[in-house]
C-alpha cells in the first residue's frame, strides 16, 4: 500500500516530485484532514495560529515540521502523534544571517544605509571582526555553522553550552563559565532553543555584565532576551544589538524597540532563503524512505 504524504502547498509538492509507492495530497491544516490516514503530515513553515487540533483523529506515522525550533508546538499537538523537526534545513542560512547582522552592526552598514537615504556621503571609523572576541551562547547546529563562517575573519571564538565538552576540535565551556565569558565579549551571539532554562536568559543582569559597546546578537527566539531590559541598555547607549527575533513578535508598530539607538533589526528571516524548499524536500524524501522501510524517522522531538 502506498504511503500517504500531505504537504501544505504546491511548491513543496513540486520540489518533492514523484516518489515510488507514495501518494502526495495537499493539506495546510487550516481545514479538515483530506483523509483519515496520512502517514507523513508536513506542517506549514509559517505555523502562526494553525489549529493543530485538526490532527486529532488522523492516523499518522510522523508529523514533520519545516522549522528547527519547535517550542511553538509544545502542548499543542494531540497525543499519539510523533513529531520531528527540520534538522539540517536552516542551520546554514541562519548562520549566514547571524554573520550578516554582526558585520552590519560592527561595520556601520545600518548608518551607511540611513546616510544613503539622505544622500549624504558620511564616512566614519568602524569596528571590524579581526581580533574581536565572539562568544556563542549555545553550541548546536546553528552555532557550529556560525563558528565555521566566522573563523575566516580571524576573530577569537568561544562557546558555552549546557555542559563542557569538546566538539569538532573546539573546547566548549559549561554554564559555570557563562558570566566570565559574557563580561569579556565584544560580540555575544544567542543561538539556543527556547526552553524554561533559556526564557529571558539575557535578562537585566546578563546585559549588565556585558561590557560597554558590546554587541548582542539573537538568532534563536525572541523570548531568550528580556526586551524591556535590552531597550533600557540601548537607550542608555551602553550596548548595541542585532536581532532577527524579538519578543513580542511580530513587533507592534508602536513598540519602543523600533526606535532604540544602536539596533540592527531583521524580521525573523533566518530561514527564508529560496533554497529552503529543496532542503525540506530532501529531508522529506529521507523520512519517506525510512518510514517505507519500517525504520525510525530522523529528528524526533518531545512536544508533550
Foldseek 3Di string as FASTA:
>chain_A
DAAEEEDADPVLVVLLDDDPSYHYDHDAQQDADPDQEHAEYEHDQPCDPRQLCSCVRRHYNEYEYLAQADQVLFPRHDPPHWYFYQPPQQQQLLLVVLVVLVCCLQVVVVVVVVCVVVVHPDDDDGHFQAAFEEEEEADPSNNVNNVVVCVVSNYHYAYEYCDWDADPNHTHHHPVCLLVSQLRGLEYEYADEDDPVQQQCAPLVSVVSHFFAHEYEYLYEARSHPVVSVLVCQQVNRYAYEYQHHPPPPDDPPDSVVVRPRYHYHPNCSNPDPCSSNSVSVLVVQQSVCVVVVHDHPRTDDSD
